[in-house]
PDB file of all heavy atoms in Angstrom:
ATOM      1  N   ILE A   1       0.862  -1.181   0.000  1.00  0.00           N
ATOM      2  CA  ILE A   1       0.000   0.000   0.000  1.00  0.00           C
ATOM      3  C   ILE A   1       0.896   1.228   0.000  1.00  0.00           C
ATOM      4  O   ILE A   1       1.592   1.503   0.984  1.00  0.00           O
ATOM      5  CB  ILE A   1      -0.940   0.017   1.217  1.00  0.00           C
ATOM      6  CG1 ILE A   1      -1.787  -1.261   1.255  1.00  0.00           C
ATOM      7  CG2 ILE A   1      -1.834   1.259   1.184  1.00  0.00           C
ATOM      8  CD1 ILE A   1      -2.617  -1.410   2.513  1.00  0.00           C
ATOM      9  N   ASN A   2       0.906   1.950  -1.112  1.00  0.00           N
ATOM     10  CA  ASN A   2       1.744   3.147  -1.241  1.00  0.00           C
ATOM     11  C   ASN A   2       0.948   4.359  -0.782  1.00  0.00           C
ATOM     12  O   ASN A   2       0.160   4.925  -1.527  1.00  0.00           O
ATOM     13  CB  ASN A   2       2.219   3.294  -2.686  1.00  0.00           C
ATOM     14  CG  ASN A   2       3.235   2.231  -3.061  1.00  0.00           C
ATOM     15  OD1 ASN A   2       4.230   2.041  -2.361  1.00  0.00           O
ATOM     16  ND2 ASN A   2       2.987   1.510  -4.147  1.00  0.00           N
ATOM     17  N   ASN A   3       1.201   4.726   0.463  1.00  0.00           N
ATOM     18  CA  ASN A   3       0.442   5.787   1.117  1.00  0.00           C
ATOM     19  C   ASN A   3       1.281   7.029   1.391  1.00  0.00           C
ATOM     20  O   ASN A   3       0.724   8.114   1.608  1.00  0.00           O
ATOM     21  CB  ASN A   3      -0.126   5.225   2.437  1.00  0.00           C
ATOM     22  CG  ASN A   3      -0.637   6.298   3.371  1.00  0.00           C
ATOM     23  OD1 ASN A   3      -1.672   6.898   3.132  1.00  0.00           O
ATOM     24  ND2 ASN A   3       0.108   6.542   4.452  1.00  0.00           N
ATOM     25  N   ALA A   4       2.599   6.910   1.365  1.00  0.00           N
ATOM     26  CA  ALA A   4       3.469   8.033   1.727  1.00  0.00           C
ATOM     27  C   ALA A   4       3.259   9.215   0.788  1.00  0.00           C
ATOM     28  O   ALA A   4       3.199   9.057  -0.429  1.00  0.00           O
ATOM     29  CB  ALA A   4       4.932   7.606   1.689  1.00  0.00           C
ATOM     30  N   ALA A   5       3.138  10.416   1.370  1.00  0.00           N
ATOM     31  CA  ALA A   5       2.965  11.631   0.572  1.00  0.00           C
ATOM     32  C   ALA A   5       3.302  12.846   1.430  1.00  0.00           C
ATOM     33  O   ALA A   5       3.218  12.795   2.659  1.00  0.00           O
ATOM     34  CB  ALA A   5       1.541  11.743   0.041  1.00  0.00           C
ATOM     35  N   VAL A   6       3.679  13.930   0.766  1.00  0.00           N
ATOM     36  CA  VAL A   6       3.913  15.192   1.458  1.00  0.00           C
ATOM     37  C   VAL A   6       3.206  16.309   0.697  1.00  0.00           C
ATOM     38  O   VAL A   6       3.015  16.229  -0.525  1.00  0.00           O
ATOM     39  CB  VAL A   6       5.412  15.531   1.583  1.00  0.00           C
ATOM     40  CG1 VAL A   6       6.127  14.521   2.464  1.00  0.00           C
ATOM     41  CG2 VAL A   6       6.073  15.613   0.212  1.00  0.00           C
ATOM     42  N   LEU A   7       2.817  17.322   1.438  1.00  0.00           N
ATOM     43  CA  LEU A   7       2.270  18.555   0.866  1.00  0.00           C
ATOM     44  C   LEU A   7       3.198  19.679   1.275  1.00  0.00           C
ATOM     45  O   LEU A   7       3.451  19.884   2.464  1.00  0.00           O
ATOM     46  CB  LEU A   7       0.855  18.814   1.391  1.00  0.00           C
ATOM     47  CG  LEU A   7       0.210  20.154   1.045  1.00  0.00           C
ATOM     48  CD1 LEU A   7       0.059  20.298  -0.465  1.00  0.00           C
ATOM     49  CD2 LEU A   7      -1.150  20.283   1.728  1.00  0.00           C
ATOM     50  N   ALA A   8       3.749  20.378   0.291  1.00  0.00           N
ATOM     51  CA  ALA A   8       4.721  21.440   0.567  1.00  0.00           C
ATOM     52  C   ALA A   8       4.453  22.616  -0.362  1.00  0.00           C
ATOM     53  O   ALA A   8       3.646  22.529  -1.295  1.00  0.00           O
ATOM     54  CB  ALA A   8       6.143  20.921   0.375  1.00  0.00           C
ATOM     55  N   ASN A   9       5.117  23.726  -0.078  1.00  0.00           N
ATOM     56  CA  ASN A   9       5.031  24.855  -0.989  1.00  0.00           C
ATOM     57  C   ASN A   9       5.592  24.466  -2.354  1.00  0.00           C
ATOM     58  O   ASN A   9       6.454  23.590  -2.465  1.00  0.00           O
ATOM     59  CB  ASN A   9       5.824  26.050  -0.438  1.00  0.00           C
ATOM     60  CG  ASN A   9       5.074  26.770   0.661  1.00  0.00           C
ATOM     61  OD1 ASN A   9       3.929  27.171   0.491  1.00  0.00           O
ATOM     62  ND2 ASN A   9       5.724  26.919   1.819  1.00  0.00           N
ATOM     63  N   ASP A  10       5.122  25.124  -3.392  1.00  0.00           N
ATOM     64  CA  ASP A  10       5.523  24.742  -4.743  1.00  0.00           C
ATOM     65  C   ASP A  10       7.010  24.933  -5.001  1.00  0.00           C
ATOM     66  O   ASP A  10       7.551  24.347  -5.940  1.00  0.00           O
ATOM     67  CB  ASP A  10       4.694  25.511  -5.775  1.00  0.00           C
ATOM     68  CG  ASP A  10       3.280  24.977  -5.872  1.00  0.00           C
ATOM     69  OD1 ASP A  10       3.029  23.864  -5.342  1.00  0.00           O
ATOM     70  OD2 ASP A  10       2.417  25.649  -6.457  1.00  0.00           O
ATOM     71  N   ASP A  11       7.704  25.753  -4.179  1.00  0.00           N
ATOM     72  CA  ASP A  11       9.137  25.887  -4.381  1.00  0.00           C
ATOM     73  C   ASP A  11       9.883  24.621  -3.935  1.00  0.00           C
ATOM     74  O   ASP A  11      11.079  24.472  -4.186  1.00  0.00           O
ATOM     75  CB  ASP A  11       9.693  27.125  -3.665  1.00  0.00           C
ATOM     76  CG  ASP A  11       9.453  27.123  -2.165  1.00  0.00           C
ATOM     77  OD1 ASP A  11       8.907  26.124  -1.638  1.00  0.00           O
ATOM     78  OD2 ASP A  11       9.799  28.125  -1.511  1.00  0.00           O
ATOM     79  N   GLN A  12       9.156  23.688  -3.298  1.00  0.00           N
ATOM     80  CA  GLN A  12       9.710  22.377  -2.958  1.00  0.00           C
ATOM     81  C   GLN A  12       9.104  21.301  -3.862  1.00  0.00           C
ATOM     82  O   GLN A  12       8.896  20.160  -3.445  1.00  0.00           O
ATOM     83  CB  GLN A  12       9.429  22.049  -1.498  1.00  0.00           C
ATOM     84  CG  GLN A  12      10.028  23.044  -0.511  1.00  0.00           C
ATOM     85  CD  GLN A  12       9.721  22.671   0.927  1.00  0.00           C
ATOM     86  OE1 GLN A  12      10.004  21.576   1.382  1.00  0.00           O
ATOM     87  NE2 GLN A  12       9.129  23.604   1.659  1.00  0.00           N
ATOM     88  N   PHE A  13       8.863  21.674  -5.107  1.00  0.00           N
ATOM     89  CA  PHE A  13       8.153  20.768  -6.011  1.00  0.00           C
ATOM     90  C   PHE A  13       8.896  19.463  -6.239  1.00  0.00           C
ATOM     91  O   PHE A  13       8.281  18.410  -6.405  1.00  0.00           O
ATOM     92  CB  PHE A  13       7.864  21.458  -7.348  1.00  0.00           C
ATOM     93  CG  PHE A  13       9.065  21.785  -8.188  1.00  0.00           C
ATOM     94  CD1 PHE A  13       9.554  20.873  -9.107  1.00  0.00           C
ATOM     95  CD2 PHE A  13       9.701  23.013  -8.054  1.00  0.00           C
ATOM     96  CE1 PHE A  13      10.660  21.167  -9.883  1.00  0.00           C
ATOM     97  CE2 PHE A  13      10.815  23.311  -8.827  1.00  0.00           C
ATOM     98  CZ  PHE A  13      11.294  22.384  -9.753  1.00  0.00           C
ATOM     99  N   ARG A  14      10.221  19.498  -6.250  1.00  0.00           N
ATOM    100  CA  ARG A  14      10.967  18.256  -6.485  1.00  0.00           C
ATOM    101  C   ARG A  14      10.722  17.245  -5.367  1.00  0.00           C
ATOM    102  O   ARG A  14      10.623  16.034  -5.615  1.00  0.00           O
ATOM    103  CB  ARG A  14      12.460  18.547  -6.625  1.00  0.00           C
ATOM    104  CG  ARG A  14      12.844  19.192  -7.940  1.00  0.00           C
ATOM    105  CD  ARG A  14      14.346  19.310  -8.105  1.00  0.00           C
ATOM    106  NE  ARG A  14      14.690  19.891  -9.398  1.00  0.00           N
ATOM    107  CZ  ARG A  14      14.721  21.186  -9.657  1.00  0.00           C
ATOM    108  NH1 ARG A  14      14.445  22.061  -8.683  1.00  0.00           N
ATOM    109  NH2 ARG A  14      15.037  21.636 -10.862  1.00  0.00           N
ATOM    110  N   ARG A  15      10.642  17.740  -4.140  1.00  0.00           N
ATOM    111  CA  ARG A  15      10.389  16.838  -3.006  1.00  0.00           C
ATOM    112  C   ARG A  15       9.013  16.202  -3.127  1.00  0.00           C
ATOM    113  O   ARG A  15       8.850  14.997  -2.895  1.00  0.00           O
ATOM    114  CB  ARG A  15      10.508  17.612  -1.691  1.00  0.00           C
ATOM    115  CG  ARG A  15      10.261  16.762  -0.448  1.00  0.00           C
ATOM    116  CD  ARG A  15      10.702  17.492   0.804  1.00  0.00           C
ATOM    117  NE  ARG A  15      10.365  16.753   2.011  1.00  0.00           N
ATOM    118  CZ  ARG A  15       9.369  17.060   2.831  1.00  0.00           C
ATOM    119  NH1 ARG A  15       8.613  18.125   2.580  1.00  0.00           N
ATOM    120  NH2 ARG A  15       9.128  16.338   3.901  1.00  0.00           N
ATOM    121  N   MET A  16       8.005  16.992  -3.497  1.00  0.00           N
ATOM    122  CA  MET A  16       6.668  16.433  -3.668  1.00  0.00           C
ATOM    123  C   MET A  16       6.631  15.404  -4.783  1.00  0.00           C
ATOM    124  O   MET A  16       6.029  14.334  -4.648  1.00  0.00           O
ATOM    125  CB  MET A  16       5.651  17.549  -3.932  1.00  0.00           C
ATOM    126  CG  MET A  16       5.202  18.269  -2.683  1.00  0.00           C
ATOM    127  SD  MET A  16       3.770  19.336  -2.977  1.00  0.00           S
ATOM    128  CE  MET A  16       4.563  20.735  -3.770  1.00  0.00           C
ATOM    129  N   ILE A  17       7.280  15.710  -5.894  1.00  0.00           N
ATOM    130  CA  ILE A  17       7.296  14.772  -7.019  1.00  0.00           C
ATOM    131  C   ILE A  17       8.039  13.501  -6.630  1.00  0.00           C
ATOM    132  O   ILE A  17       7.591  12.384  -6.920  1.00  0.00           O
ATOM    133  CB  ILE A  17       7.925  15.429  -8.254  1.00  0.00           C
ATOM    134  CG1 ILE A  17       7.037  16.569  -8.755  1.00  0.00           C
ATOM    135  CG2 ILE A  17       8.141  14.398  -9.362  1.00  0.00           C
ATOM    136  CD1 ILE A  17       7.680  17.432  -9.825  1.00  0.00           C
ATOM    137  N   ASP A  18       9.180  13.649  -5.956  1.00  0.00           N
ATOM    138  CA  ASP A  18       9.988  12.487  -5.579  1.00  0.00           C
ATOM    139  C   ASP A  18       9.229  11.549  -4.639  1.00  0.00           C
ATOM    140  O   ASP A  18       9.285  10.321  -4.796  1.00  0.00           O
ATOM    141  CB  ASP A  18      11.285  12.938  -4.907  1.00  0.00           C
ATOM    142  CG  ASP A  18      12.274  13.537  -5.885  1.00  0.00           C
ATOM    143  OD1 ASP A  18      12.064  13.376  -7.110  1.00  0.00           O
ATOM    144  OD2 ASP A  18      13.239  14.172  -5.430  1.00  0.00           O
ATOM    145  N   ILE A  19       8.541  12.113  -3.649  1.00  0.00           N
ATOM    146  CA  ILE A  19       7.866  11.277  -2.658  1.00  0.00           C
ATOM    147  C   ILE A  19       6.493  10.824  -3.145  1.00  0.00           C
ATOM    148  O   ILE A  19       6.147   9.638  -3.073  1.00  0.00           O
ATOM    149  CB  ILE A  19       7.735  12.029  -1.312  1.00  0.00           C
ATOM    150  CG1 ILE A  19       9.130  12.276  -0.719  1.00  0.00           C
ATOM    151  CG2 ILE A  19       6.864  11.239  -0.329  1.00  0.00           C
ATOM    152  CD1 ILE A  19       9.144  13.118   0.521  1.00  0.00           C
ATOM    153  N   ASN A  20       5.710  11.765  -3.652  1.00  0.00           N
ATOM    154  CA  ASN A  20       4.325  11.447  -3.994  1.00  0.00           C
ATOM    155  C   ASN A  20       4.210  10.577  -5.237  1.00  0.00           C
ATOM    156  O   ASN A  20       3.341   9.704  -5.300  1.00  0.00           O
ATOM    157  CB  ASN A  20       3.519  12.723  -4.203  1.00  0.00           C
ATOM    158  CG  ASN A  20       3.463  13.592  -2.968  1.00  0.00           C
ATOM    159  OD1 ASN A  20       4.039  13.254  -1.937  1.00  0.00           O
ATOM    160  ND2 ASN A  20       2.783  14.712  -3.063  1.00  0.00           N
ATOM    161  N   PHE A  21       5.059  10.844  -6.230  1.00  0.00           N
ATOM    162  CA  PHE A  21       4.921  10.114  -7.491  1.00  0.00           C
ATOM    163  C   PHE A  21       6.075   9.150  -7.774  1.00  0.00           C
ATOM    164  O   PHE A  21       5.861   7.953  -7.921  1.00  0.00           O
ATOM    165  CB  PHE A  21       4.767  11.084  -8.657  1.00  0.00           C
ATOM    166  CG  PHE A  21       4.599  10.389  -9.977  1.00  0.00           C
ATOM    167  CD1 PHE A  21       3.579   9.471 -10.175  1.00  0.00           C
ATOM    168  CD2 PHE A  21       5.482  10.622 -11.017  1.00  0.00           C
ATOM    169  CE1 PHE A  21       3.435   8.798 -11.388  1.00  0.00           C
ATOM    170  CE2 PHE A  21       5.343   9.970 -12.238  1.00  0.00           C
ATOM    171  CZ  PHE A  21       4.322   9.055 -12.420  1.00  0.00           C
ATOM    172  N   THR A  22       7.305   9.674  -7.828  1.00  0.00           N
ATOM    173  CA  THR A  22       8.423   8.815  -8.211  1.00  0.00           C
ATOM    174  C   THR A  22       8.560   7.623  -7.272  1.00  0.00           C
ATOM    175  O   THR A  22       8.771   6.480  -7.724  1.00  0.00           O
ATOM    176  CB  THR A  22       9.735   9.617  -8.244  1.00  0.00           C
ATOM    177  OG1 THR A  22       9.573  10.753  -9.097  1.00  0.00           O
ATOM    178  CG2 THR A  22      10.877   8.766  -8.759  1.00  0.00           C
ATOM    179  N   ALA A  23       8.452   7.844  -5.971  1.00  0.00           N
ATOM    180  CA  ALA A  23       8.571   6.738  -5.016  1.00  0.00           C
ATOM    181  C   ALA A  23       7.423   5.747  -5.176  1.00  0.00           C
ATOM    182  O   ALA A  23       7.614   4.534  -5.005  1.00  0.00           O
ATOM    183  CB  ALA A  23       8.606   7.280  -3.591  1.00  0.00           C
ATOM    184  N   THR A  24       6.241   6.239  -5.519  1.00  0.00           N
ATOM    185  CA  THR A  24       5.104   5.343  -5.751  1.00  0.00           C
ATOM    186  C   THR A  24       5.357   4.461  -6.962  1.00  0.00           C
ATOM    187  O   THR A  24       5.071   3.256  -6.952  1.00  0.00           O
ATOM    188  CB  THR A  24       3.812   6.153  -5.938  1.00  0.00           C
ATOM    189  OG1 THR A  24       3.512   6.854  -4.725  1.00  0.00           O
ATOM    190  CG2 THR A  24       2.637   5.253  -6.283  1.00  0.00           C
ATOM    191  N   VAL A  25       5.900   5.051  -8.017  1.00  0.00           N
ATOM    192  CA  VAL A  25       6.246   4.272  -9.206  1.00  0.00           C
ATOM    193  C   VAL A  25       7.293   3.213  -8.855  1.00  0.00           C
ATOM    194  O   VAL A  25       7.147   2.028  -9.197  1.00  0.00           O
ATOM    195  CB  VAL A  25       6.773   5.187 -10.325  1.00  0.00           C
ATOM    196  CG1 VAL A  25       7.324   4.355 -11.487  1.00  0.00           C
ATOM    197  CG2 VAL A  25       5.668   6.104 -10.821  1.00  0.00           C
ATOM    198  N   SER A  26       8.345   3.621  -8.171  1.00  0.00           N
ATOM    199  CA  SER A  26       9.422   2.695  -7.823  1.00  0.00           C
ATOM    200  C   SER A  26       8.913   1.555  -6.961  1.00  0.00           C
ATOM    201  O   SER A  26       9.204   0.374  -7.215  1.00  0.00           O
ATOM    202  CB  SER A  26      10.533   3.451  -7.090  1.00  0.00           C
ATOM    203  OG  SER A  26      11.576   2.583  -6.726  1.00  0.00           O
ATOM    204  N   SER A  27       8.139   1.877  -5.940  1.00  0.00           N
ATOM    205  CA  SER A  27       7.604   0.855  -5.043  1.00  0.00           C
ATOM    206  C   SER A  27       6.655  -0.082  -5.773  1.00  0.00           C
ATOM    207  O   SER A  27       6.682  -1.303  -5.572  1.00  0.00           O
ATOM    208  CB  SER A  27       6.890   1.532  -3.868  1.00  0.00           C
ATOM    209  OG  SER A  27       6.312   0.568  -3.010  1.00  0.00           O
ATOM    210  N   THR A  28       5.809   0.483  -6.645  1.00  0.00           N
ATOM    211  CA  THR A  28       4.874  -0.351  -7.401  1.00  0.00           C
ATOM    212  C   THR A  28       5.606  -1.337  -8.291  1.00  0.00           C
ATOM    213  O   THR A  28       5.276  -2.535  -8.326  1.00  0.00           O
ATOM    214  CB  THR A  28       3.951   0.537  -8.260  1.00  0.00           C
ATOM    215  OG1 THR A  28       3.172   1.383  -7.404  1.00  0.00           O
ATOM    216  CG2 THR A  28       3.011  -0.307  -9.111  1.00  0.00           C
ATOM    217  N   LEU A  29       6.595  -0.859  -9.022  1.00  0.00           N
ATOM    218  CA  LEU A  29       7.320  -1.737  -9.945  1.00  0.00           C
ATOM    219  C   LEU A  29       8.106  -2.813  -9.197  1.00  0.00           C
ATOM    220  O   LEU A  29       8.177  -3.970  -9.649  1.00  0.00           O
ATOM    221  CB  LEU A  29       8.249  -0.910 -10.830  1.00  0.00           C
ATOM    222  CG  LEU A  29       7.543   0.067 -11.784  1.00  0.00           C
ATOM    223  CD1 LEU A  29       8.560   0.832 -12.610  1.00  0.00           C
ATOM    224  CD2 LEU A  29       6.540  -0.651 -12.677  1.00  0.00           C
ATOM    225  N   LYS A  30       8.682  -2.453  -8.056  1.00  0.00           N
ATOM    226  CA  LYS A  30       9.357  -3.456  -7.227  1.00  0.00           C
ATOM    227  C   LYS A  30       8.366  -4.517  -6.761  1.00  0.00           C
ATOM    228  O   LYS A  30       8.638  -5.724  -6.809  1.00  0.00           O
ATOM    229  CB  LYS A  30      10.015  -2.791  -6.015  1.00  0.00           C
ATOM    230  CG  LYS A  30      11.320  -2.082  -6.311  1.00  0.00           C
ATOM    231  CD  LYS A  30      11.879  -1.464  -5.040  1.00  0.00           C
ATOM    232  CE  LYS A  30      13.289  -0.927  -5.270  1.00  0.00           C
ATOM    233  NZ  LYS A  30      13.362   0.047  -6.371  1.00  0.00           N
ATOM    234  N   ALA A  31       7.203  -4.057  -6.285  1.00  0.00           N
ATOM    235  CA  ALA A  31       6.191  -4.985  -5.786  1.00  0.00           C
ATOM    236  C   ALA A  31       5.694  -5.906  -6.886  1.00  0.00           C
ATOM    237  O   ALA A  31       5.546  -7.121  -6.677  1.00  0.00           O
ATOM    238  CB  ALA A  31       5.023  -4.198  -5.184  1.00  0.00           C
ATOM    239  N   VAL A  32       5.428  -5.352  -8.055  1.00  0.00           N
ATOM    240  CA  VAL A  32       4.946  -6.168  -9.169  1.00  0.00           C
ATOM    241  C   VAL A  32       5.988  -7.207  -9.555  1.00  0.00           C
ATOM    242  O   VAL A  32       5.671  -8.384  -9.787  1.00  0.00           O
ATOM    243  CB  VAL A  32       4.583  -5.281 -10.376  1.00  0.00           C
ATOM    244  CG1 VAL A  32       4.335  -6.134 -11.622  1.00  0.00           C
ATOM    245  CG2 VAL A  32       3.357  -4.434 -10.066  1.00  0.00           C
ATOM    246  N   ASP A  33       7.247  -6.810  -9.597  1.00  0.00           N
ATOM    247  CA  ASP A  33       8.314  -7.733  -9.958  1.00  0.00           C
ATOM    248  C   ASP A  33       8.407  -8.889  -8.964  1.00  0.00           C
ATOM    249  O   ASP A  33       8.509 -10.066  -9.345  1.00  0.00           O
ATOM    250  CB  ASP A  33       9.639  -6.976 -10.023  1.00  0.00           C
ATOM    251  CG  ASP A  33      10.785  -7.851 -10.498  1.00  0.00           C
ATOM    252  OD1 ASP A  33      10.663  -8.444 -11.577  1.00  0.00           O
ATOM    253  OD2 ASP A  33      11.793  -7.943  -9.774  1.00  0.00           O
ATOM    254  N   ILE A  34       8.345  -8.555  -7.674  1.00  0.00           N
ATOM    255  CA  ILE A  34       8.460  -9.577  -6.627  1.00  0.00           C
ATOM    256  C   ILE A  34       7.237 -10.488  -6.615  1.00  0.00           C
ATOM    257  O   ILE A  34       7.353 -11.724  -6.618  1.00  0.00           O
ATOM    258  CB  ILE A  34       8.634  -8.908  -5.249  1.00  0.00           C
ATOM    259  CG1 ILE A  34      10.008  -8.232  -5.157  1.00  0.00           C
ATOM    260  CG2 ILE A  34       8.451  -9.924  -4.117  1.00  0.00           C
ATOM    261  CD1 ILE A  34      10.151  -7.299  -3.977  1.00  0.00           C
ATOM    262  N   MET A  35       6.050  -9.891  -6.612  1.00  0.00           N
ATOM    263  CA  MET A  35       4.835 -10.685  -6.430  1.00  0.00           C
ATOM    264  C   MET A  35       4.481 -11.487  -7.671  1.00  0.00           C
ATOM    265  O   MET A  35       3.923 -12.588  -7.571  1.00  0.00           O
ATOM    266  CB  MET A  35       3.682  -9.777  -5.997  1.00  0.00           C
ATOM    267  CG  MET A  35       3.888  -9.211  -4.598  1.00  0.00           C
ATOM    268  SD  MET A  35       2.465  -8.334  -3.899  1.00  0.00           S
ATOM    269  CE  MET A  35       2.468  -6.851  -4.907  1.00  0.00           C
ATOM    270  N   SER A  36       4.784 -10.976  -8.843  1.00  0.00           N
ATOM    271  CA  SER A  36       4.498 -11.740 -10.054  1.00  0.00           C
ATOM    272  C   SER A  36       5.326 -13.017 -10.093  1.00  0.00           C
ATOM    273  O   SER A  36       4.866 -14.057 -10.573  1.00  0.00           O
ATOM    274  CB  SER A  36       4.764 -10.895 -11.302  1.00  0.00           C
ATOM    275  OG  SER A  36       6.126 -10.525 -11.395  1.00  0.00           O
ATOM    276  N   ALA A  37       6.544 -12.959  -9.555  1.00  0.00           N
ATOM    277  CA  ALA A  37       7.397 -14.143  -9.512  1.00  0.00           C
ATOM    278  C   ALA A  37       6.907 -15.162  -8.495  1.00  0.00           C
ATOM    279  O   ALA A  37       7.283 -16.345  -8.559  1.00  0.00           O
ATOM    280  CB  ALA A  37       8.834 -13.740  -9.181  1.00  0.00           C
TER     281      ALA A  37
END
């Protein structure tokens, strides 16, 4: 369950993108790889 997220001012946009989206993508793909096997 990918629940981690942050809300910050837009001048911290990289942090929001990294945690809210990029980390969700990374975690999802890792999970799919492990569980599909």
